[in-house]
C-alpha atoms as a PDB file:
ATOM      1  CA  UNK A   1       0.000   0.000   0.000  1.00  0.00           C
ATOM      2  CA  UNK A   2       1.433   3.326  -1.071  1.00  0.00           C
ATOM      3  CA  UNK A   3       0.754   6.540   0.811  1.00  0.00           C
ATOM      4  CA  UNK A   4       0.496   9.670  -1.313  1.00  0.00           C
ATOM      5  CA  UNK A   5       1.260  12.154   1.470  1.00  0.00           C
ATOM      6  CA  UNK A   6       4.195  14.510   1.897  1.00  0.00           C
ATOM      7  CA  UNK A   7       5.358  14.192   5.520  1.00  0.00           C
ATOM      8  CA  UNK A   8       6.279  17.894   5.578  1.00  0.00           C
ATOM      9  CA  UNK A   9       2.640  18.921   5.008  1.00  0.00           C
ATOM     10  CA  UNK A  10      -0.228  18.731   7.481  1.00  0.00           C
ATOM     11  CA  UNK A  11      -2.783  16.003   6.955  1.00  0.00           C
ATOM     12  CA  UNK A  12      -6.409  16.792   6.198  1.00  0.00           C
ATOM     13  CA  UNK A  13      -7.398  15.600   9.663  1.00  0.00           C
ATOM     14  CA  UNK A  14      -4.895  17.960  11.306  1.00  0.00           C
ATOM     15  CA  UNK A  15      -6.153  20.870   9.193  1.00  0.00           C
ATOM     16  CA  UNK A  16      -9.755  20.118  10.230  1.00  0.00           C
ATOM     17  CA  UNK A  17      -8.761  19.993  13.903  1.00  0.00           C
ATOM     18  CA  UNK A  18      -6.905  23.316  13.640  1.00  0.00           C
ATOM     19  CA  UNK A  19      -9.912  24.874  11.872  1.00  0.00           C
ATOM     20  CA  UNK A  20     -12.301  23.668  14.590  1.00  0.00           C
ATOM     21  CA  UNK A  21     -10.034  24.950  17.365  1.00  0.00           C
ATOM     22  CA  UNK A  22      -9.702  28.317  15.603  1.00  0.00           C
ATOM     23  CA  UNK A  23     -13.490  28.535  15.154  1.00  0.00           C
ATOM     24  CA  UNK A  24     -14.096  27.758  18.829  1.00  0.00           C
ATOM     25  CA  UNK A  25     -11.486  30.291  19.902  1.00  0.00           C
ATOM     26  CA  UNK A  26     -12.922  33.009  17.671  1.00  0.00           C
ATOM     27  CA  UNK A  27     -16.455  32.326  18.970  1.00  0.00           C
ATOM     28  CA  UNK A  28     -15.222  32.327  22.580  1.00  0.00           C
ATOM     29  CA  UNK A  29     -13.670  35.754  22.078  1.00  0.00           C
ATOM     30  CA  UNK A  30     -16.204  37.331  19.704  1.00  0.00           C
ATOM     31  CA  UNK A  31     -19.400  36.631  21.658  1.00  0.00           C
ATOM     32  CA  UNK A  32     -18.357  38.484  24.854  1.00  0.00           C
ATOM     33  CA  UNK A  33     -16.885  41.333  22.790  1.00  0.00           C
ATOM     34  CA  UNK A  34     -20.122  41.762  20.823  1.00  0.00           C
ATOM     35  CA  UNK A  35     -22.243  41.770  23.967  1.00  0.00           C
ATOM     36  CA  UNK A  36     -19.825  44.137  25.709  1.00  0.00           C
ATOM     37  CA  UNK A  37     -19.847  46.596  22.820  1.00  0.00           C
ATOM     38  CA  UNK A  38     -23.638  46.348  22.581  1.00  0.00           C
ATOM     39  CA  UNK A  39     -23.977  47.034  26.302  1.00  0.00           C
ATOM     40  CA  UNK A  40     -21.574  49.995  26.127  1.00  0.00           C
ATOM     41  CA  UNK A  41     -23.236  51.536  23.066  1.00  0.00           C
ATOM     42  CA  UNK A  42     -26.726  51.129  24.518  1.00  0.00           C
ATOM     43  CA  UNK A  43     -25.598  53.161  27.517  1.00  0.00           C
ATOM     44  CA  UNK A  44     -24.407  56.082  25.410  1.00  0.00           C
ATOM     45  CA  UNK A  45     -26.623  58.929  24.242  1.00  0.00           C
ATOM     46  CA  UNK A  46     -27.777  58.697  20.616  1.00  0.00           C
ATOM     47  CA  UNK A  47     -25.832  61.799  19.605  1.00  0.00           C
ATOM     48  CA  UNK A  48     -22.538  60.252  20.720  1.00  0.00           C
ATOM     49  CA  UNK A  49     -23.292  56.984  18.908  1.00  0.00           C
ATOM     50  CA  UNK A  50     -24.119  58.870  15.698  1.00  0.00           C
ATOM     51  CA  UNK A  51     -20.949  60.951  16.059  1.00  0.00           C
ATOM     52  CA  UNK A  52     -18.793  57.855  16.530  1.00  0.00           C
ATOM     53  CA  UNK A  53     -20.485  56.072  13.618  1.00  0.00           C
ATOM     54  CA  UNK A  54     -20.096  59.097  11.349  1.00  0.00           C
ATOM     55  CA  UNK A  55     -16.465  59.512  12.284  1.00  0.00           C
ATOM     56  CA  UNK A  56     -15.745  55.844  11.633  1.00  0.00           C
ATOM     57  CA  UNK A  57     -17.604  55.948   8.321  1.00  0.00           C
ATOM     58  CA  UNK A  58     -15.818  59.139   7.241  1.00  0.00           C
ATOM     59  CA  UNK A  59     -12.395  57.759   8.103  1.00  0.00           C
ATOM     60  CA  UNK A  60     -13.134  54.521   6.237  1.00  0.00           C
ATOM     61  CA  UNK A  61     -14.320  56.330   3.113  1.00  0.00           C
ATOM     62  CA  UNK A  62     -11.356  58.708   3.328  1.00  0.00           C
ATOM     63  CA  UNK A  63      -8.949  55.810   3.546  1.00  0.00           C
ATOM     64  CA  UNK A  64     -10.320  54.159   0.424  1.00  0.00           C
ATOM     65  CA  UNK A  65     -10.513  57.428  -1.506  1.00  0.00           C
ATOM     66  CA  UNK A  66      -6.922  58.156  -0.544  1.00  0.00           C
ATOM     67  CA  UNK A  67      -5.883  54.706  -1.709  1.00  0.00           C
ATOM     68  CA  UNK A  68      -7.755  54.986  -5.019  1.00  0.00           C
ATOM     69  CA  UNK A  69      -4.436  55.223  -6.895  1.00  0.00           C
ATOM     70  CA  UNK A  70      -3.300  52.072  -5.144  1.00  0.00           C
ATOM     71  CA  UNK A  71      -6.102  50.122  -6.778  1.00  0.00           C
ATOM     72  CA  UNK A  72      -4.470  50.632 -10.159  1.00  0.00           C
ATOM     73  CA  UNK A  73      -1.441  48.640  -9.049  1.00  0.00           C
ATOM     74  CA  UNK A  74      -3.614  45.539  -8.546  1.00  0.00           C
ATOM     75  CA  UNK A  75      -5.216  45.589 -11.988  1.00  0.00           C
ATOM     76  CA  UNK A  76      -4.416  42.920 -14.488  1.00  0.00           C
ATOM     77  CA  UNK A  77      -2.945  44.363 -17.661  1.00  0.00           C
ATOM     78  CA  UNK A  78      -5.543  44.807 -20.384  1.00  0.00           C
ATOM     79  CA  UNK A  79      -5.321  45.659 -24.023  1.00  0.00           C
ATOM     80  CA  UNK A  80      -3.649  49.002 -23.368  1.00  0.00           C
ATOM     81  CA  UNK A  81      -1.044  47.805 -20.921  1.00  0.00           C
END
């Protein structure tokens, strides 16, 4: 019987175990964070929440507009290039 597996690579079973452990770890961290943020935001006045949301949205849009020239570096060359 011949095994078609490179001993330097992880087996499929090991990859599945690592994926399950990572999923459990992410869920164990994310659930308390989500509830904590929800609890903190619910305690803030609406004006502060809207200000924080607007600031975050503006900074995100500004980042992508500022990086608009960087998108050209990731294009695949077409007919003109």
